[in-house]
């Protein structure tokens, strides 16, 4: 008997009304009952220690889900705080590229740089020369003349960039830093986002049948210690929960139904 890939559904308990989270399908789910026992022994007639009895001394049940990709809400879950729709006036933008022409077009609607005003004082451009970071001179975008001598650049609306002929002749790798405004952004807040009702859906595959089952834990709490590391280049994203119900007994149901492909 095998268990097919499962689904994990979280329902928020800190929002009104409660909200169900649309997370990616996890690549694996592990339920650890976290049982620790005290083992008692006694000696037999020839002096050997033998098992006598065991008593459960601790239960720290936990669930860990692993995801093959990260979403915005998964990242918020790793941190344990809620995302909110807010306006942000100074969104940083960093771009690195080889300068091969005088003009680089402004950002299209919905892309990085859209919303940047012309000639922002925060905009900087620099390149490496003899291993040292060297700034380009920023001049006003209005009336910018690329033929004017000097290593110069200008930044116009929506982060349009213009470089002088002297810069283009060098063909340097240039890093540009700037800022733009976003009227709508998903922003991490101070509001906690760490207590949920959890449903785990699975399929038991046995002799051609695919029988469904589900486990319910209510409530569960994010394990901040286990979630403290976010590996942006990793193959999987683990998400760890503590099962905080004192009885530690989940709801486990086999409804005697099969799942159709």
Protein backbone atom coordinates (compact mmCIF):
# COMPACT_ATOMS: atom_id res chain seq x y z
CA UNK A 1 0.00 0.00 0.00
CA UNK A 2 1.34 3.41 -0.96
CA UNK A 3 0.28 6.96 -0.14
CA UNK A 4 -0.05 9.28 -3.11
CA UNK A 5 1.06 12.92 -2.92
CA UNK A 6 -1.11 14.70 -0.39
CA UNK A 7 -2.71 18.11 -0.07
CA UNK A 8 -2.38 20.37 2.92
CA UNK A 9 -5.08 22.98 3.56
CA UNK A 10 -4.61 25.72 6.14
CA UNK A 11 -7.45 27.85 7.48
CA UNK A 12 -6.44 31.04 9.25
CA UNK A 13 -7.62 31.50 12.82
CA UNK A 14 -6.32 35.06 13.24
CA UNK A 15 -8.34 36.71 10.48
CA UNK A 16 -12.04 37.58 10.41
CA UNK A 17 -13.56 36.05 8.42
CA UNK A 18 -11.32 32.99 8.40
CA UNK A 19 -9.48 32.43 5.12
CA UNK A 20 -8.25 29.26 3.43
CA UNK A 21 -4.77 29.46 1.98
CA UNK A 22 -4.14 28.38 -1.60
CA UNK A 23 -0.67 26.89 -1.19
CA UNK A 24 1.22 24.79 -3.76
CA UNK A 25 0.93 21.02 -3.59
CA UNK A 26 3.61 19.84 -1.14
CA UNK A 27 6.17 17.35 -2.39
CA UNK A 28 6.04 15.58 0.98
CA UNK A 29 4.28 15.78 4.35
CA UNK A 30 5.65 14.25 7.55
CA UNK A 31 3.61 13.75 10.72
CA UNK A 32 5.80 13.06 13.75
CA UNK A 33 3.82 12.10 16.84
CA UNK A 34 6.73 13.22 19.02
CA UNK A 35 6.33 10.51 21.61
CA UNK A 36 8.98 9.97 24.27
CA UNK A 37 8.78 7.01 26.64
CA UNK A 38 10.34 6.06 29.92
CA UNK A 39 11.42 2.41 29.71
CA UNK A 40 11.40 0.31 32.87
CA UNK A 41 13.29 -2.98 33.16
CA UNK A 42 13.66 -5.80 35.66
CA UNK A 43 16.10 -8.66 36.02
CA UNK A 44 15.08 -12.19 35.21
CA UNK A 45 16.07 -15.34 37.09
CA UNK A 46 19.56 -15.39 35.54
CA UNK A 47 20.29 -11.70 36.16
CA UNK A 48 19.53 -10.31 32.68
CA UNK A 49 17.77 -6.96 32.33
CA UNK A 50 14.51 -7.35 30.44
CA UNK A 51 11.80 -4.96 29.32
CA UNK A 52 9.09 -4.60 31.93
CA UNK A 53 6.89 -1.70 30.87
CA UNK A 54 6.93 1.69 29.19
CA UNK A 55 5.22 4.94 30.07
CA UNK A 56 4.72 7.91 27.77
CA UNK A 57 6.43 10.89 29.38
CA UNK A 58 6.16 13.46 26.61
CA UNK A 59 4.24 14.25 23.42
CA UNK A 60 5.39 16.99 21.08
CA UNK A 61 3.62 16.16 17.82
CA UNK A 62 4.60 18.08 14.70
CA UNK A 63 3.89 18.28 10.99
CA UNK A 64 6.44 19.27 8.36
CA UNK A 65 5.48 19.98 4.76
CA UNK A 66 8.04 20.35 1.96
CA UNK A 67 7.36 22.45 -1.12
CA UNK A 68 9.28 22.42 -4.40
CA UNK A 69 8.65 26.13 -4.97
CA UNK A 70 8.06 29.18 -2.84
CA UNK A 71 5.17 31.64 -3.08
CA UNK A 72 4.67 35.01 -1.43
CA UNK A 73 2.38 33.52 1.20
CA UNK A 74 4.78 30.63 1.88
CA UNK A 75 7.50 33.17 2.59
CA UNK A 76 5.16 35.04 4.93
CA UNK A 77 4.38 31.75 6.69
CA UNK A 78 8.09 31.08 7.17
CA UNK A 79 8.39 34.47 8.85
CA UNK A 80 5.10 34.19 10.73
CA UNK A 81 3.60 37.55 9.81
CA UNK A 82 0.70 38.54 7.60
CA UNK A 83 1.01 40.21 4.18
CA UNK A 84 -1.16 43.25 3.50
CA UNK A 85 -1.97 45.32 0.41
CA UNK A 86 -0.27 48.69 0.89
CA UNK A 87 1.21 51.52 -1.13
CA UNK A 88 5.01 51.86 -1.03
CA UNK A 89 6.60 55.14 -2.06
CA UNK A 90 10.23 53.99 -2.29
CA UNK A 91 10.67 50.53 -3.81
CA UNK A 92 14.36 49.84 -4.50
CA UNK A 93 15.48 48.60 -7.91
CA UNK A 94 18.94 47.27 -8.76
CA UNK A 95 19.97 46.27 -12.26
CA UNK A 96 23.33 45.16 -13.64
CA UNK A 97 24.03 44.99 -17.38
CA UNK A 98 26.63 45.73 -20.04
CA UNK A 99 26.06 49.15 -21.61
CA UNK A 100 26.07 48.78 -25.40
CA UNK A 101 23.78 51.64 -26.48
CA UNK A 102 22.82 55.16 -25.46
CA UNK A 103 19.19 54.61 -24.44
CA UNK A 104 17.43 51.91 -22.41
CA UNK A 105 13.66 52.14 -22.69
CA UNK A 106 11.34 53.02 -19.77
CA UNK A 107 9.59 50.25 -17.86
CA UNK A 108 6.28 48.98 -19.21
CA UNK A 109 3.14 48.95 -17.09
CA UNK A 110 3.49 46.44 -14.26
CA UNK A 111 7.28 46.06 -14.54
CA UNK A 112 10.11 47.19 -12.28
CA UNK A 113 10.78 50.91 -12.57
CA UNK A 114 7.26 51.93 -13.55
CA UNK A 115 6.29 54.89 -11.37
CA UNK A 116 9.80 56.36 -11.07
CA UNK A 117 9.96 60.10 -11.56
CA UNK A 118 12.67 61.70 -13.66
CA UNK A 119 16.00 62.78 -12.14
CA UNK A 120 15.58 61.07 -8.79
CA UNK A 121 18.39 62.01 -6.43
CA UNK A 122 18.59 58.39 -5.21
CA UNK A 123 19.51 57.03 -8.64
CA UNK A 124 23.15 56.00 -8.93
CA UNK A 125 25.18 54.17 -11.55
CA UNK A 126 28.63 52.73 -11.06
CA UNK A 127 31.07 50.33 -12.72
CA UNK A 128 34.32 48.57 -11.90
CA UNK A 129 37.57 50.05 -13.09
CA UNK A 130 40.80 48.36 -11.97
CA UNK A 131 38.75 46.51 -9.38
CA UNK A 132 37.38 49.71 -7.84
CA UNK A 133 33.74 50.81 -7.91
CA UNK A 134 33.54 54.10 -9.80
CA UNK A 135 30.44 56.28 -10.09
CA UNK A 136 29.08 57.70 -13.30
CA UNK A 137 28.04 61.35 -13.22
CA UNK A 138 24.24 61.75 -13.19
CA UNK A 139 22.94 64.75 -15.15
CA UNK A 140 19.44 66.06 -15.90
CA UNK A 141 17.39 63.99 -18.33
CA UNK A 142 15.93 67.02 -20.08
CA UNK A 143 18.19 67.99 -22.96
CA UNK A 144 20.62 65.14 -22.28
CA UNK A 145 23.26 65.11 -25.04
CA UNK A 146 25.11 61.78 -25.34
CA UNK A 147 27.87 63.46 -27.33
CA UNK A 148 28.91 65.64 -24.38
CA UNK A 149 32.29 64.49 -23.13
CA UNK A 150 32.46 62.54 -19.89
CA UNK A 151 31.21 59.35 -18.28
CA UNK A 152 27.64 60.48 -17.74
CA UNK A 153 24.14 59.08 -17.51
CA UNK A 154 20.60 60.34 -17.00
CA UNK A 155 17.46 58.78 -15.52
CA UNK A 156 14.07 59.76 -16.94
CA UNK A 157 10.48 58.79 -16.04
CA UNK A 158 9.68 55.12 -15.48
CA UNK A 159 13.40 54.52 -15.10
CA UNK A 160 14.43 55.20 -18.67
CA UNK A 161 18.24 55.32 -18.72
CA UNK A 162 20.53 57.22 -21.08
CA UNK A 163 24.31 56.94 -21.30
CA UNK A 164 26.90 59.16 -22.94
CA UNK A 165 28.94 58.06 -25.94
CA UNK A 166 32.02 57.80 -23.72
CA UNK A 167 30.26 55.23 -21.51
CA UNK A 168 29.05 53.23 -24.51
CA UNK A 169 32.58 53.20 -25.92
CA UNK A 170 33.84 51.53 -22.74
CA UNK A 171 31.12 48.83 -22.90
CA UNK A 172 31.30 48.45 -19.11
CA UNK A 173 29.19 46.32 -16.81
CA UNK A 174 27.17 48.95 -15.00
CA UNK A 175 25.10 48.54 -11.83
CA UNK A 176 22.24 50.99 -11.44
CA UNK A 177 20.40 51.62 -8.17
CA UNK A 178 17.18 53.59 -7.96
CA UNK A 179 13.68 53.76 -6.54
CA UNK A 180 10.11 53.84 -7.79
CA UNK A 181 6.63 54.07 -6.28
CA UNK A 182 4.11 51.20 -6.15
CA UNK A 183 0.50 52.14 -5.43
CA UNK A 184 -0.24 48.49 -4.59
CA UNK A 185 2.24 46.13 -2.97
CA UNK A 186 2.18 43.06 -0.73
CA UNK A 187 3.91 44.19 2.45
CA UNK A 188 4.90 42.16 5.50
CA UNK A 189 3.11 43.56 8.55
CA UNK A 190 3.49 43.18 12.32
CA UNK A 191 0.28 41.14 12.47
CA UNK A 192 0.86 37.50 13.54
CA UNK A 193 0.20 34.80 10.96
CA UNK A 194 0.97 31.60 12.82
CA UNK A 195 -2.13 29.75 14.11
CA UNK A 196 -4.27 27.61 11.79
CA UNK A 197 -6.64 24.72 11.40
CA UNK A 198 -4.88 22.06 9.30
CA UNK A 199 -6.40 19.48 6.99
CA UNK A 200 -4.17 16.88 5.33
CA UNK A 201 -5.76 15.03 2.41
CA UNK A 202 -4.24 11.81 1.15
CA UNK A 203 -4.92 8.89 -1.16
CA UNK A 204 -4.12 5.28 -0.25
CA UNK A 205 -3.23 3.31 -3.35
CA UNK A 206 -3.86 -0.40 -2.90
CA UNK A 207 -4.58 -3.00 -5.60
CA UNK A 208 -5.74 -0.45 -8.12
CA UNK A 209 -7.96 1.44 -5.69
CA UNK A 210 -7.35 5.05 -4.67
CA UNK A 211 -9.11 5.53 -1.36
CA UNK A 212 -9.13 9.00 0.14
CA UNK A 213 -8.57 9.92 3.76
CA UNK A 214 -8.04 13.07 5.76
CA UNK A 215 -6.35 14.15 8.96
CA UNK A 216 -7.44 17.25 10.84
CA UNK A 217 -5.41 19.10 13.46
CA UNK A 218 -7.05 22.04 15.20
CA UNK A 219 -5.17 24.14 16.03
CA UNK A 220 -1.58 24.08 14.82
CA UNK A 221 1.08 26.72 15.33
CA UNK A 222 4.06 27.60 13.18
CA UNK A 223 7.35 26.39 14.59
CA UNK A 224 9.43 29.57 14.37
CA UNK A 225 12.63 27.78 15.37
CA UNK A 226 12.39 25.22 12.55
CA UNK A 227 11.21 27.86 10.05
CA UNK A 228 13.95 30.37 10.84
CA UNK A 229 16.06 29.45 7.79
CA UNK A 230 14.95 30.45 4.29
CA UNK A 231 17.19 29.00 1.58
CA UNK A 232 16.34 30.93 -1.58
CA UNK A 233 18.46 28.64 -3.74
CA UNK A 234 17.36 25.34 -2.21
CA UNK A 235 15.47 22.53 -3.93
CA UNK A 236 12.70 22.42 -1.31
CA UNK A 237 11.06 24.79 1.15
CA UNK A 238 10.20 23.11 4.49
CA UNK A 239 7.36 24.48 6.61
CA UNK A 240 7.12 23.19 10.19
CA UNK A 241 4.13 23.24 12.57
CA UNK A 242 3.58 22.29 16.18
CA UNK A 243 0.33 20.52 17.05
CA UNK A 244 -0.79 22.42 20.11
CA UNK A 245 -3.99 20.61 21.10
CA UNK A 246 -3.27 19.09 24.52
CA UNK A 247 -4.99 15.80 23.73
CA UNK A 248 -2.67 15.39 20.70
CA UNK A 249 -5.32 13.27 19.03
CA UNK A 250 -6.12 14.20 15.44
CA UNK A 251 -9.29 13.52 13.51
CA UNK A 252 -8.59 10.64 11.11
CA UNK A 253 -11.36 9.62 8.72
CA UNK A 254 -11.54 7.08 5.87
CA UNK A 255 -14.88 7.91 4.20
CA UNK A 256 -14.74 4.75 2.02
CA UNK A 257 -14.62 6.80 -1.15
CA UNK A 258 -12.20 6.68 -4.06
CA UNK A 259 -10.62 9.53 -5.97
CA UNK A 260 -11.11 9.67 -9.72
CA UNK A 261 -8.17 10.74 -11.84
